[in-house]
Amino acid sequence: MAGIPVEQEHKIDVRQALRAFDRITREGEKRDDGWHYQGLTASTDFDGYTVFISSAKVRLTIFFHNKYTVDYRNAFELHEFAEQLRKLDKAR
């Protein structure tokens, strides 16, 4: 997987992703590698400034000032991942 500038192919709603992150950490199961909830894993770096949300096929990294990168293999997997985030956010 390579970090692809997603602005060219698919825009991630960072606020929505952060709300999904919050839900995953509140309702998910805490394990050594982060919180797990509905097929997604959420974690942070050591200081909490960088947030990671991943599925089996996609990894979203959100940096300070809402900059982000997404690692994925194809547009379909990215679309599915974005839909998972949207559904988690919508069901709050």
N, C-alpha and C. Protein backbone atom coordinates (compact mmCIF):
# COMPACT_ATOMS: atom_id res chain seq x y z
N MET A 1 0.84 -1.18 0.00
CA MET A 1 0.00 0.00 0.00
C MET A 1 0.88 1.24 0.00
N ALA A 2 0.52 2.18 -0.78
CA ALA A 2 1.28 3.42 -0.84
C ALA A 2 0.38 4.57 -0.44
N GLY A 3 0.96 5.55 0.23
CA GLY A 3 0.20 6.74 0.59
C GLY A 3 -0.12 7.51 -0.68
N ILE A 4 -1.36 7.66 -1.00
CA ILE A 4 -1.80 8.35 -2.21
C ILE A 4 -2.48 9.64 -1.80
N PRO A 5 -2.13 10.76 -2.42
CA PRO A 5 -2.83 12.00 -2.08
C PRO A 5 -4.32 11.85 -2.42
N VAL A 6 -5.13 11.70 -1.41
CA VAL A 6 -6.53 11.37 -1.63
C VAL A 6 -7.35 12.51 -2.21
N GLU A 7 -6.85 13.73 -2.12
CA GLU A 7 -7.61 14.84 -2.69
C GLU A 7 -7.88 14.60 -4.17
N GLN A 8 -7.00 13.85 -4.83
CA GLN A 8 -7.16 13.59 -6.25
C GLN A 8 -8.24 12.54 -6.52
N GLU A 9 -8.41 11.59 -5.61
CA GLU A 9 -9.30 10.48 -5.90
C GLU A 9 -10.54 10.45 -5.02
N HIS A 10 -10.39 10.74 -3.74
CA HIS A 10 -11.52 10.67 -2.83
C HIS A 10 -11.22 11.53 -1.61
N LYS A 11 -12.07 12.45 -1.33
CA LYS A 11 -11.85 13.32 -0.18
C LYS A 11 -12.42 12.68 1.08
N ILE A 12 -11.62 12.63 2.11
CA ILE A 12 -12.06 12.12 3.41
C ILE A 12 -12.57 13.31 4.22
N ASP A 13 -13.72 13.14 4.84
CA ASP A 13 -14.25 14.17 5.74
C ASP A 13 -13.57 13.96 7.09
N VAL A 14 -12.59 14.78 7.39
CA VAL A 14 -11.78 14.60 8.60
C VAL A 14 -12.62 14.74 9.86
N ARG A 15 -13.52 15.69 9.89
CA ARG A 15 -14.39 15.85 11.08
C ARG A 15 -15.23 14.59 11.30
N GLN A 16 -15.77 14.06 10.22
CA GLN A 16 -16.56 12.83 10.31
C GLN A 16 -15.68 11.68 10.80
N ALA A 17 -14.47 11.58 10.28
CA ALA A 17 -13.55 10.53 10.70
C ALA A 17 -13.20 10.66 12.17
N LEU A 18 -13.01 11.89 12.65
CA LEU A 18 -12.70 12.08 14.07
C LEU A 18 -13.90 11.74 14.96
N ARG A 19 -15.10 12.02 14.48
CA ARG A 19 -16.29 11.61 15.25
C ARG A 19 -16.40 10.09 15.28
N ALA A 20 -16.08 9.43 14.16
CA ALA A 20 -16.08 7.96 14.13
C ALA A 20 -15.00 7.43 15.07
N PHE A 21 -13.83 8.07 15.09
CA PHE A 21 -12.76 7.69 16.01
C PHE A 21 -13.25 7.75 17.45
N ASP A 22 -13.93 8.83 17.78
CA ASP A 22 -14.47 8.99 19.14
C ASP A 22 -15.42 7.86 19.48
N ARG A 23 -16.29 7.52 18.55
CA ARG A 23 -17.24 6.43 18.80
C ARG A 23 -16.54 5.08 18.96
N ILE A 24 -15.54 4.83 18.11
CA ILE A 24 -14.79 3.57 18.21
C ILE A 24 -14.12 3.46 19.59
N THR A 25 -13.53 4.56 20.06
CA THR A 25 -12.84 4.52 21.35
C THR A 25 -13.80 4.46 22.54
N ARG A 26 -15.00 4.99 22.36
CA ARG A 26 -15.99 4.93 23.44
C ARG A 26 -16.68 3.58 23.52
N GLU A 27 -17.04 3.02 22.35
CA GLU A 27 -17.87 1.82 22.32
C GLU A 27 -17.10 0.55 21.97
N GLY A 28 -15.86 0.71 21.53
CA GLY A 28 -15.07 -0.43 21.09
C GLY A 28 -14.42 -1.19 22.21
N GLU A 29 -13.84 -2.31 21.85
CA GLU A 29 -13.10 -3.16 22.79
C GLU A 29 -11.64 -2.76 22.76
N LYS A 30 -11.08 -2.43 23.93
CA LYS A 30 -9.67 -2.02 24.03
C LYS A 30 -8.79 -3.26 23.98
N ARG A 31 -7.82 -3.24 23.06
CA ARG A 31 -6.82 -4.30 22.94
C ARG A 31 -5.44 -3.64 22.90
N ASP A 32 -4.41 -4.46 22.82
CA ASP A 32 -3.04 -3.93 22.79
C ASP A 32 -2.80 -2.97 21.63
N ASP A 33 -3.43 -3.22 20.49
CA ASP A 33 -3.17 -2.40 19.30
C ASP A 33 -4.19 -1.28 19.10
N GLY A 34 -5.08 -1.06 20.04
CA GLY A 34 -6.07 0.02 19.93
C GLY A 34 -7.46 -0.46 20.28
N TRP A 35 -8.45 0.31 19.88
CA TRP A 35 -9.84 -0.02 20.12
C TRP A 35 -10.42 -0.64 18.85
N HIS A 36 -11.20 -1.70 19.01
CA HIS A 36 -11.80 -2.39 17.87
C HIS A 36 -13.32 -2.27 17.95
N TYR A 37 -13.91 -1.88 16.82
CA TYR A 37 -15.35 -1.70 16.79
C TYR A 37 -15.84 -1.82 15.35
N GLN A 38 -16.75 -2.73 15.11
CA GLN A 38 -17.40 -2.92 13.82
C GLN A 38 -16.41 -2.98 12.65
N GLY A 39 -15.35 -3.75 12.83
CA GLY A 39 -14.39 -3.95 11.75
C GLY A 39 -13.34 -2.87 11.59
N LEU A 40 -13.35 -1.88 12.47
CA LEU A 40 -12.35 -0.82 12.42
C LEU A 40 -11.51 -0.83 13.69
N THR A 41 -10.28 -0.39 13.54
CA THR A 41 -9.37 -0.26 14.67
C THR A 41 -8.94 1.20 14.76
N ALA A 42 -8.97 1.76 15.96
CA ALA A 42 -8.58 3.15 16.19
C ALA A 42 -7.45 3.18 17.21
N SER A 43 -6.46 4.03 16.94
CA SER A 43 -5.35 4.19 17.87
C SER A 43 -4.74 5.57 17.67
N THR A 44 -3.79 5.93 18.55
CA THR A 44 -3.07 7.20 18.43
C THR A 44 -1.58 6.93 18.60
N ASP A 45 -0.78 7.94 18.26
CA ASP A 45 0.64 7.83 18.55
C ASP A 45 0.84 8.12 20.03
N PHE A 46 2.09 8.14 20.48
CA PHE A 46 2.38 8.26 21.91
C PHE A 46 1.86 9.54 22.55
N ASP A 47 1.77 10.65 21.79
CA ASP A 47 1.32 11.90 22.39
C ASP A 47 -0.13 12.26 22.05
N GLY A 48 -0.78 11.43 21.24
CA GLY A 48 -2.19 11.65 20.92
C GLY A 48 -2.45 12.64 19.81
N TYR A 49 -1.40 13.22 19.22
CA TYR A 49 -1.60 14.20 18.15
C TYR A 49 -1.88 13.58 16.80
N THR A 50 -1.47 12.33 16.61
CA THR A 50 -1.73 11.63 15.36
C THR A 50 -2.70 10.51 15.63
N VAL A 51 -3.74 10.42 14.81
CA VAL A 51 -4.82 9.45 14.99
C VAL A 51 -4.79 8.47 13.82
N PHE A 52 -5.00 7.21 14.12
CA PHE A 52 -5.04 6.17 13.09
C PHE A 52 -6.39 5.46 13.15
N ILE A 53 -7.00 5.28 12.00
CA ILE A 53 -8.20 4.46 11.88
C ILE A 53 -7.94 3.50 10.73
N SER A 54 -8.14 2.21 10.98
CA SER A 54 -7.86 1.26 9.92
C SER A 54 -8.91 0.16 9.87
N SER A 55 -9.05 -0.37 8.66
CA SER A 55 -9.84 -1.57 8.43
C SER A 55 -8.84 -2.63 7.98
N ALA A 56 -9.32 -3.76 7.51
CA ALA A 56 -8.42 -4.79 7.03
C ALA A 56 -7.67 -4.33 5.78
N LYS A 57 -8.21 -3.35 5.04
CA LYS A 57 -7.64 -2.99 3.75
C LYS A 57 -7.21 -1.53 3.62
N VAL A 58 -7.60 -0.67 4.55
CA VAL A 58 -7.34 0.76 4.43
C VAL A 58 -6.81 1.29 5.76
N ARG A 59 -5.87 2.24 5.69
CA ARG A 59 -5.37 2.89 6.90
C ARG A 59 -5.39 4.40 6.69
N LEU A 60 -6.13 5.09 7.55
CA LEU A 60 -6.23 6.54 7.55
C LEU A 60 -5.38 7.07 8.69
N THR A 61 -4.52 8.03 8.38
CA THR A 61 -3.71 8.70 9.39
C THR A 61 -4.07 10.17 9.37
N ILE A 62 -4.51 10.68 10.52
CA ILE A 62 -4.88 12.10 10.64
C ILE A 62 -3.84 12.77 11.52
N PHE A 63 -3.19 13.79 10.96
CA PHE A 63 -2.14 14.51 11.64
C PHE A 63 -2.69 15.80 12.25
N PHE A 64 -1.84 16.48 12.96
CA PHE A 64 -2.17 17.78 13.54
C PHE A 64 -2.67 18.71 12.43
N HIS A 65 -3.57 19.60 12.72
CA HIS A 65 -4.19 20.54 11.77
C HIS A 65 -5.00 19.84 10.69
N ASN A 66 -5.51 18.64 11.00
CA ASN A 66 -6.41 17.89 10.12
C ASN A 66 -5.83 17.54 8.75
N LYS A 67 -4.52 17.46 8.65
CA LYS A 67 -3.89 16.91 7.44
C LYS A 67 -3.99 15.40 7.56
N TYR A 68 -4.04 14.72 6.42
CA TYR A 68 -4.19 13.27 6.50
C TYR A 68 -3.59 12.57 5.29
N THR A 69 -3.35 11.28 5.47
CA THR A 69 -2.98 10.40 4.36
C THR A 69 -3.83 9.15 4.48
N VAL A 70 -4.01 8.49 3.35
CA VAL A 70 -4.76 7.24 3.34
C VAL A 70 -3.95 6.22 2.53
N ASP A 71 -3.74 5.06 3.12
CA ASP A 71 -3.09 3.96 2.41
C ASP A 71 -4.17 2.97 2.00
N TYR A 72 -4.21 2.65 0.72
CA TYR A 72 -5.22 1.72 0.20
C TYR A 72 -4.75 1.18 -1.14
N ARG A 73 -5.38 0.09 -1.58
CA ARG A 73 -4.98 -0.54 -2.84
C ARG A 73 -5.83 -0.08 -4.01
N ASN A 74 -7.11 0.14 -3.80
CA ASN A 74 -7.96 0.55 -4.92
C ASN A 74 -9.11 1.42 -4.42
N ALA A 75 -9.73 2.09 -5.35
CA ALA A 75 -10.78 3.06 -5.03
C ALA A 75 -11.98 2.41 -4.36
N PHE A 76 -12.30 1.17 -4.73
CA PHE A 76 -13.43 0.49 -4.13
C PHE A 76 -13.22 0.29 -2.63
N GLU A 77 -12.02 -0.17 -2.25
CA GLU A 77 -11.72 -0.36 -0.82
C GLU A 77 -11.79 0.96 -0.07
N LEU A 78 -11.30 2.01 -0.68
CA LEU A 78 -11.37 3.33 -0.05
C LEU A 78 -12.82 3.78 0.12
N HIS A 79 -13.63 3.55 -0.90
CA HIS A 79 -15.04 3.92 -0.83
C HIS A 79 -15.75 3.15 0.30
N GLU A 80 -15.49 1.85 0.41
CA GLU A 80 -16.08 1.05 1.49
C GLU A 80 -15.68 1.60 2.86
N PHE A 81 -14.41 1.95 3.01
CA PHE A 81 -13.90 2.49 4.26
C PHE A 81 -14.60 3.81 4.61
N ALA A 82 -14.71 4.69 3.63
CA ALA A 82 -15.39 5.98 3.84
C ALA A 82 -16.84 5.76 4.24
N GLU A 83 -17.48 4.75 3.65
CA GLU A 83 -18.87 4.43 4.02
C GLU A 83 -18.95 3.94 5.47
N GLN A 84 -17.98 3.14 5.91
CA GLN A 84 -17.96 2.69 7.30
C GLN A 84 -17.87 3.88 8.24
N LEU A 85 -17.01 4.82 7.92
CA LEU A 85 -16.87 6.02 8.76
C LEU A 85 -18.18 6.81 8.78
N ARG A 86 -18.79 6.97 7.61
CA ARG A 86 -20.05 7.71 7.51
C ARG A 86 -21.14 7.06 8.36
N LYS A 87 -21.26 5.73 8.27
CA LYS A 87 -22.29 5.02 9.03
C LYS A 87 -22.06 5.12 10.53
N LEU A 88 -20.81 5.03 10.96
CA LEU A 88 -20.52 5.18 12.39
C LEU A 88 -20.89 6.58 12.87
N ASP A 89 -20.57 7.56 12.07
CA ASP A 89 -20.86 8.95 12.45
C ASP A 89 -22.37 9.19 12.45
N LYS A 90 -23.05 8.69 11.46
CA LYS A 90 -24.50 8.92 11.33
C LYS A 90 -25.28 8.25 12.47
N ALA A 91 -24.81 7.13 12.95
CA ALA A 91 -25.53 6.37 13.97
C ALA A 91 -25.25 6.86 15.39
N ARG A 92 -24.58 7.99 15.52
CA ARG A 92 -24.24 8.46 16.89
C ARG A 92 -25.47 8.77 17.68
